[in-house]
Amino acid sequence: MLLSRRIALATLPLLAAPRVLRAQGSRPIRLIVPNPPGGQSDTIARLYGEAFQATAGQAVIVENRSGANGLIAMDAVSKAAPDGTTVGLFSIALFTTLPMMMARMPLDVDRDLTAVTSMVTSTVMCAVTEQRARERGWTDFRAMVEWAKRPGNGLTNGAASSGGASHLLVATIAKRSGADMTVVPYRGGAPALNDLLAGNIDMCFDFMPALMPHVQAGRLRALAVGARERLPFLPDVPGMGDFPDLGIADLDLQSWNIITGPPGMPPEVQARIVALVRGAAAHPGLEDKLRTHGLLTMPPLEPAAVRARIQAERPRWREMVEVSGARIE
């Protein structure tokens, strides 16, 4: 009854998770995500929850703690008991770009959190309306950029936030290619998408869960993805590596999601979480469901490998932050 009351009061979805994460009897696992329902981390949590249910049948509560650029969710995880009953699902940005952009970061992501394993990787997509593409002759991404390099022309890009992946990538493309691109930050991806569909802005470089349904319905045209290589489920959409003449062929915006625990999490608990994610990633049907949202499973790395990769990626993210000039006060 206590569990039922908690779920009803918090209006949190109950999913299933494997026995491997069980730390205290039959207590459910709190999986904290920094987005509201329908956000990318929330989508990943729910899809993996289905896979967890199929492999073990223990309950997981997906807890949406959005706001403050992810700091609310990070703070909640950092203060949890390190027994595996509370973990977070965070993007690489919270370990890389967020500390670089914040004037006063209230926690140390390396000291106050434990990056445990990787789950999913994704990238952004450049989408324009079919009408705008026809009117301006944007047959592909290169044609759009070349159009924006001509005197008197300029593009407006709707970004879900200031300093987010879209902002950083577009600012870098503009600097390297010489195109006139203005980033218009919004309070979330939904209002940016609405303005794109209404013709109030020229394009959106955004994560795929929001854009894919409109591309599939023919309302939007996908011109490129932010990854260097083309995606296996979108072979006709070029990646940044297809445009060496624009000076962007080395760009590779890959956002991957990390299961994260509080500090002091024992190695044996971390090992159980890695095993949990590895089993779920192999569950039949998960990959196909993820791909409908523009997501791909990522090999579950061991904790030391995850932390090493975070360190290795910081320099390239720093370049984009510096180019964009994005700051969070």
Protein backbone atom coordinates (compact mmCIF):
# COMPACT_ATOMS: atom_id res chain seq x y z
CA MET A 1 0.00 0.00 0.00
CA LEU A 2 2.88 2.35 0.71
CA LEU A 3 4.20 1.86 -2.81
CA SER A 4 0.75 2.46 -4.29
CA ARG A 5 0.33 5.70 -2.34
CA ARG A 6 3.74 6.94 -3.44
CA ILE A 7 2.99 6.28 -7.09
CA ALA A 8 -0.44 7.89 -6.91
CA LEU A 9 0.87 10.98 -5.14
CA ALA A 10 3.78 11.48 -7.48
CA THR A 11 1.93 10.40 -10.63
CA LEU A 12 5.05 8.52 -11.64
CA PRO A 13 4.93 5.67 -14.16
CA LEU A 14 5.67 2.23 -12.79
CA LEU A 15 7.90 0.11 -14.96
CA ALA A 16 9.68 -3.13 -14.38
CA ALA A 17 13.38 -3.63 -13.77
CA PRO A 18 15.63 -6.62 -13.31
CA ARG A 19 16.45 -8.40 -10.15
CA VAL A 20 20.08 -7.51 -10.72
CA LEU A 21 19.43 -4.01 -9.37
CA ARG A 22 17.52 -5.19 -6.31
CA ALA A 23 19.34 -3.84 -3.28
CA GLN A 24 16.77 -3.97 -0.50
CA GLY A 25 14.16 -6.67 -0.75
CA SER A 26 11.47 -5.84 -3.26
CA ARG A 27 11.92 -2.07 -3.20
CA PRO A 28 11.45 -0.47 -6.60
CA ILE A 29 14.32 1.29 -8.32
CA ARG A 30 14.03 5.07 -8.76
CA LEU A 31 15.29 5.99 -12.21
CA ILE A 32 15.61 9.79 -12.21
CA VAL A 33 15.58 11.61 -15.54
CA PRO A 34 16.17 15.37 -16.06
CA ASN A 35 13.38 15.80 -18.60
CA PRO A 36 9.59 16.04 -18.43
CA PRO A 37 7.52 13.15 -19.79
CA GLY A 38 8.15 12.76 -23.51
CA GLY A 39 11.72 14.10 -23.35
CA GLN A 40 14.56 12.05 -24.75
CA SER A 41 15.83 10.64 -21.45
CA ASP A 42 12.27 9.86 -20.44
CA THR A 43 11.70 7.98 -23.71
CA ILE A 44 14.87 5.96 -23.21
CA ALA A 45 13.95 5.13 -19.62
CA ARG A 46 10.53 3.82 -20.63
CA LEU A 47 11.81 1.72 -23.52
CA TYR A 48 14.51 0.18 -21.36
CA GLY A 49 11.91 -0.32 -18.65
CA GLU A 50 9.99 -2.61 -20.99
CA ALA A 51 13.16 -4.60 -21.61
CA PHE A 52 13.86 -4.77 -17.86
CA GLN A 53 10.36 -6.08 -17.26
CA ALA A 54 10.83 -8.82 -19.82
CA THR A 55 14.06 -10.01 -18.19
CA ALA A 56 13.28 -9.75 -14.46
CA GLY A 57 9.96 -8.25 -13.46
CA GLN A 58 11.03 -5.96 -10.63
CA ALA A 59 9.45 -2.53 -10.45
CA VAL A 60 11.21 0.69 -11.44
CA ILE A 61 9.77 4.15 -10.90
CA VAL A 62 10.75 6.63 -13.61
CA GLU A 63 10.94 9.94 -11.80
CA ASN A 64 10.89 13.12 -13.88
CA ARG A 65 12.93 15.82 -12.15
CA SER A 66 13.20 18.49 -14.85
CA GLY A 67 14.46 22.04 -14.51
CA ALA A 68 17.61 24.03 -13.80
CA ASN A 69 19.47 22.57 -16.78
CA GLY A 70 19.44 19.10 -15.24
CA LEU A 71 20.82 20.19 -11.87
CA ILE A 72 17.67 19.23 -9.96
CA ALA A 73 17.92 15.64 -11.14
CA MET A 74 21.69 15.51 -10.63
CA ASP A 75 21.36 16.84 -7.10
CA ALA A 76 18.74 14.23 -6.24
CA VAL A 77 20.99 11.41 -7.43
CA SER A 78 24.06 12.82 -5.70
CA LYS A 79 22.25 12.76 -2.33
CA ALA A 80 20.83 9.24 -2.68
CA ALA A 81 22.06 6.14 -0.87
CA PRO A 82 24.74 4.35 -2.94
CA ASP A 83 22.96 1.00 -2.83
CA GLY A 84 21.62 0.89 -6.38
CA THR A 85 18.01 1.75 -5.51
CA THR A 86 18.34 5.28 -6.94
CA VAL A 87 20.13 6.00 -10.20
CA GLY A 88 19.91 8.69 -12.85
CA LEU A 89 19.83 8.62 -16.64
CA PHE A 90 21.84 11.62 -17.84
CA SER A 91 23.28 12.75 -21.17
CA ILE A 92 26.99 13.33 -21.75
CA ALA A 93 26.25 17.07 -21.85
CA LEU A 94 25.70 17.16 -18.09
CA PHE A 95 29.25 15.85 -17.62
CA THR A 96 30.90 18.01 -20.30
CA THR A 97 29.27 21.20 -21.57
CA LEU A 98 27.16 22.10 -18.53
CA PRO A 99 30.14 22.63 -16.18
CA MET A 100 31.90 24.59 -18.95
CA MET A 101 29.00 27.00 -19.43
CA MET A 102 27.88 27.57 -15.84
CA ALA A 103 29.37 30.51 -14.00
CA ARG A 104 28.84 28.73 -10.67
CA MET A 105 28.43 24.97 -10.88
CA PRO A 106 26.90 23.81 -7.58
CA LEU A 107 28.34 20.30 -7.75
CA ASP A 108 31.40 18.53 -9.10
CA VAL A 109 30.18 15.93 -11.59
CA ASP A 110 33.29 13.78 -11.15
CA ARG A 111 33.25 13.88 -7.36
CA ASP A 112 29.53 14.02 -6.54
CA LEU A 113 28.26 11.48 -9.09
CA THR A 114 29.33 8.01 -10.24
CA ALA A 115 29.15 7.43 -14.00
CA VAL A 116 28.40 3.70 -14.24
CA THR A 117 27.61 2.59 -17.79
CA SER A 118 26.44 3.72 -21.23
CA MET A 119 23.01 2.98 -22.69
CA VAL A 120 22.00 4.84 -25.84
CA THR A 121 23.57 7.17 -28.37
CA SER A 122 21.80 9.74 -30.53
CA THR A 123 22.48 12.75 -32.66
CA VAL A 124 20.61 15.78 -33.93
CA MET A 125 18.89 16.15 -37.28
CA CYS A 126 18.61 19.25 -39.45
CA ALA A 127 15.02 19.58 -40.63
CA VAL A 128 13.26 22.20 -42.74
CA THR A 129 9.71 22.45 -44.02
CA GLU A 130 9.06 21.09 -47.47
CA GLN A 131 7.62 24.45 -48.50
CA ARG A 132 10.71 26.42 -47.41
CA ALA A 133 13.01 23.94 -49.15
CA ARG A 134 11.09 24.29 -52.43
CA GLU A 135 10.86 28.08 -52.26
CA ARG A 136 14.60 28.54 -51.71
CA GLY A 137 15.93 25.66 -53.74
CA TRP A 138 17.37 23.76 -50.80
CA THR A 139 17.75 20.41 -52.48
CA ASP A 140 20.16 19.28 -49.75
CA PHE A 141 22.13 20.54 -46.75
CA ARG A 142 24.96 21.92 -48.87
CA ALA A 143 22.52 23.98 -50.97
CA MET A 144 21.02 25.46 -47.80
CA VAL A 145 24.42 26.43 -46.37
CA GLU A 146 25.57 27.90 -49.68
CA TRP A 147 22.34 29.93 -49.83
CA ALA A 148 23.10 31.32 -46.36
CA LYS A 149 26.60 32.36 -47.49
CA ARG A 150 25.26 34.75 -50.11
CA PRO A 151 25.05 38.46 -49.21
CA GLY A 152 21.71 39.41 -47.74
CA ASN A 153 20.71 35.86 -46.89
CA GLY A 154 20.61 34.33 -43.45
CA LEU A 155 19.15 31.35 -41.63
CA THR A 156 17.36 31.18 -38.29
CA ASN A 157 17.77 27.97 -36.32
CA GLY A 158 15.37 27.13 -33.52
CA ALA A 159 17.26 25.63 -30.56
CA ALA A 160 15.57 23.91 -27.62
CA SER A 161 17.78 25.87 -25.22
CA SER A 162 20.71 28.23 -25.05
CA GLY A 163 23.89 26.18 -24.92
CA GLY A 164 22.25 22.91 -25.96
CA ALA A 165 23.53 20.58 -28.67
CA SER A 166 21.69 22.43 -31.45
CA HIS A 167 23.10 25.80 -30.40
CA LEU A 168 26.67 24.51 -30.17
CA LEU A 169 26.61 22.63 -33.47
CA VAL A 170 24.99 25.40 -35.52
CA ALA A 171 27.39 28.03 -34.15
CA THR A 172 30.33 25.80 -35.11
CA ILE A 173 28.95 25.11 -38.61
CA ALA A 174 28.37 28.84 -39.15
CA LYS A 175 31.90 29.78 -38.13
CA ARG A 176 33.59 27.10 -40.20
CA SER A 177 31.47 27.42 -43.34
CA GLY A 178 31.06 31.20 -43.34
CA ALA A 179 27.27 30.94 -43.49
CA ASP A 180 25.00 33.46 -41.75
CA MET A 181 23.15 31.37 -39.17
CA THR A 182 21.36 32.87 -36.18
CA VAL A 183 20.49 30.64 -33.24
CA VAL A 184 17.08 31.41 -31.71
CA PRO A 185 16.88 29.75 -28.28
CA TYR A 186 13.52 28.54 -27.01
CA ARG A 187 12.30 27.19 -23.69
CA GLY A 188 12.19 23.61 -24.92
CA GLY A 189 12.04 21.82 -28.23
CA ALA A 190 8.24 21.87 -28.63
CA PRO A 191 7.86 25.64 -29.17
CA ALA A 192 10.81 25.63 -31.56
CA LEU A 193 9.21 22.83 -33.56
CA ASN A 194 5.89 24.65 -33.62
CA ASP A 195 7.56 27.78 -35.02
CA LEU A 196 9.38 25.68 -37.62
CA LEU A 197 6.14 24.09 -38.81
CA ALA A 198 4.48 27.53 -38.88
CA GLY A 199 7.27 28.97 -41.02
CA ASN A 200 8.50 31.43 -38.40
CA ILE A 201 12.07 30.04 -38.44
CA ASP A 202 14.06 28.38 -41.18
CA MET A 203 15.34 25.16 -39.63
CA CYS A 204 15.76 23.08 -36.52
CA PHE A 205 18.79 21.02 -35.58
CA ASP A 206 17.19 18.94 -32.86
CA PHE A 207 17.20 15.43 -31.42
CA MET A 208 15.18 13.01 -33.47
CA PRO A 209 12.30 11.86 -31.25
CA ALA A 210 10.50 15.16 -31.88
CA LEU A 211 11.38 15.51 -35.58
CA MET A 212 11.07 11.96 -36.92
CA PRO A 213 7.24 11.77 -36.94
CA HIS A 214 7.03 14.97 -39.01
CA VAL A 215 9.74 13.77 -41.42
CA GLN A 216 7.93 10.45 -41.85
CA ALA A 217 4.64 12.28 -42.45
CA GLY A 218 6.23 14.49 -45.14
CA ARG A 219 5.79 17.79 -43.28
CA LEU A 220 9.54 18.19 -42.76
CA ARG A 221 12.55 17.31 -44.88
CA ALA A 222 15.65 15.88 -43.21
CA LEU A 223 18.75 17.50 -44.74
CA ALA A 224 21.54 16.16 -42.50
CA VAL A 225 22.40 14.59 -39.18
CA GLY A 226 24.97 15.94 -36.74
CA ALA A 227 26.98 12.71 -36.59
CA ARG A 228 30.01 12.34 -38.85
CA GLU A 229 28.67 9.14 -40.43
CA ARG A 230 25.24 8.45 -41.85
CA LEU A 231 22.89 6.54 -39.58
CA PRO A 232 22.04 2.94 -40.49
CA PHE A 233 18.31 3.60 -40.36
CA LEU A 234 18.58 6.86 -42.40
CA PRO A 235 21.04 5.91 -45.16
CA ASP A 236 19.88 8.68 -47.51
CA VAL A 237 20.44 11.50 -44.99
CA PRO A 238 24.05 12.74 -45.08
CA GLY A 239 26.24 13.18 -42.03
CA MET A 240 28.76 15.93 -41.38
CA GLY A 241 31.48 13.80 -43.00
CA ASP A 242 29.75 14.26 -46.36
CA PHE A 243 30.67 17.97 -46.42
CA PRO A 244 34.46 18.39 -46.41
CA ASP A 245 34.06 21.44 -48.68
CA LEU A 246 32.14 23.21 -45.89
CA GLY A 247 34.91 22.61 -43.35
CA ILE A 248 32.74 20.47 -41.08
CA ALA A 249 33.68 16.90 -42.04
CA ASP A 250 35.32 16.23 -38.66
CA LEU A 251 32.27 17.27 -36.64
CA ASP A 252 30.64 14.35 -34.88
CA LEU A 253 27.91 15.35 -32.45
CA GLN A 254 27.04 12.17 -30.60
CA SER A 255 25.05 12.52 -27.42
CA TRP A 256 25.08 9.38 -25.32
CA ASN A 257 23.23 8.59 -22.15
CA ILE A 258 24.80 7.34 -18.97
CA ILE A 259 23.39 5.46 -15.99
CA THR A 260 24.68 7.46 -13.04
CA GLY A 261 24.72 6.80 -9.32
CA PRO A 262 25.61 8.74 -6.20
CA PRO A 263 29.19 9.01 -4.94
CA GLY A 264 30.65 6.07 -3.06
CA MET A 265 28.73 3.41 -4.99
CA PRO A 266 30.45 0.07 -4.29
CA PRO A 267 32.06 -1.73 -7.25
CA GLU A 268 29.76 -4.74 -6.84
CA VAL A 269 26.67 -2.52 -7.15
CA GLN A 270 28.12 -0.87 -10.25
CA ALA A 271 28.81 -4.31 -11.73
CA ARG A 272 25.18 -5.32 -11.21
CA ILE A 273 23.98 -2.21 -13.02
CA VAL A 274 26.28 -2.89 -15.97
CA ALA A 275 24.94 -6.45 -16.16
CA LEU A 276 21.38 -5.11 -16.02
CA VAL A 277 21.89 -2.75 -18.93
CA ARG A 278 23.79 -5.34 -20.95
CA GLY A 279 20.91 -7.79 -20.61
CA ALA A 280 18.32 -5.20 -21.57
CA ALA A 281 20.31 -4.04 -24.59
CA ALA A 282 20.21 -7.58 -25.98
CA HIS A 283 16.46 -7.93 -25.51
CA PRO A 284 14.68 -8.64 -28.83
CA GLY A 285 12.79 -5.68 -30.19
CA LEU A 286 14.49 -2.96 -28.14
CA GLU A 287 16.74 -1.79 -30.98
CA ASP A 288 13.81 -1.46 -33.39
CA LYS A 289 11.80 0.56 -30.87
CA LEU A 290 14.73 2.86 -30.21
CA ARG A 291 15.30 3.45 -33.92
CA THR A 292 11.76 4.73 -34.39
CA HIS A 293 12.86 7.57 -32.10
CA GLY A 294 16.20 8.09 -33.84
CA LEU A 295 18.13 6.30 -31.10
CA LEU A 296 20.67 3.47 -31.09
CA THR A 297 21.74 1.12 -28.34
CA MET A 298 25.31 1.68 -27.23
CA PRO A 299 27.54 -1.12 -25.92
CA PRO A 300 27.35 -0.95 -22.11
CA LEU A 301 30.82 0.19 -21.09
CA GLU A 302 32.43 -0.74 -17.82
CA PRO A 303 32.57 2.12 -15.27
CA ALA A 304 36.26 2.89 -15.82
CA ALA A 305 35.75 3.01 -19.60
CA VAL A 306 32.77 5.37 -19.25
CA ARG A 307 34.78 7.79 -17.12
CA ALA A 308 37.73 7.65 -19.51
CA ARG A 309 35.49 8.43 -22.47
CA ILE A 310 33.93 11.40 -20.65
CA GLN A 311 37.42 12.82 -20.09
CA ALA A 312 38.40 12.18 -23.71
CA GLU A 313 35.35 13.98 -25.11
CA ARG A 314 35.67 17.17 -23.07
CA PRO A 315 38.16 18.94 -25.41
CA ARG A 316 35.94 18.73 -28.51
CA TRP A 317 32.88 19.88 -26.59
CA ARG A 318 34.92 22.76 -25.17
CA GLU A 319 35.70 23.96 -28.70
CA MET A 320 32.00 24.19 -29.55
CA VAL A 321 31.18 25.94 -26.28
CA GLU A 322 33.87 28.55 -26.91
CA VAL A 323 32.73 29.09 -30.51
CA SER A 324 29.11 29.54 -29.47
CA GLY A 325 29.88 31.86 -26.57
CA ALA A 326 27.06 30.16 -24.65
CA ARG A 327 26.96 30.83 -20.92
CA ILE A 328 24.52 29.88 -18.16
CA GLU A 329 24.30 32.28 -15.25
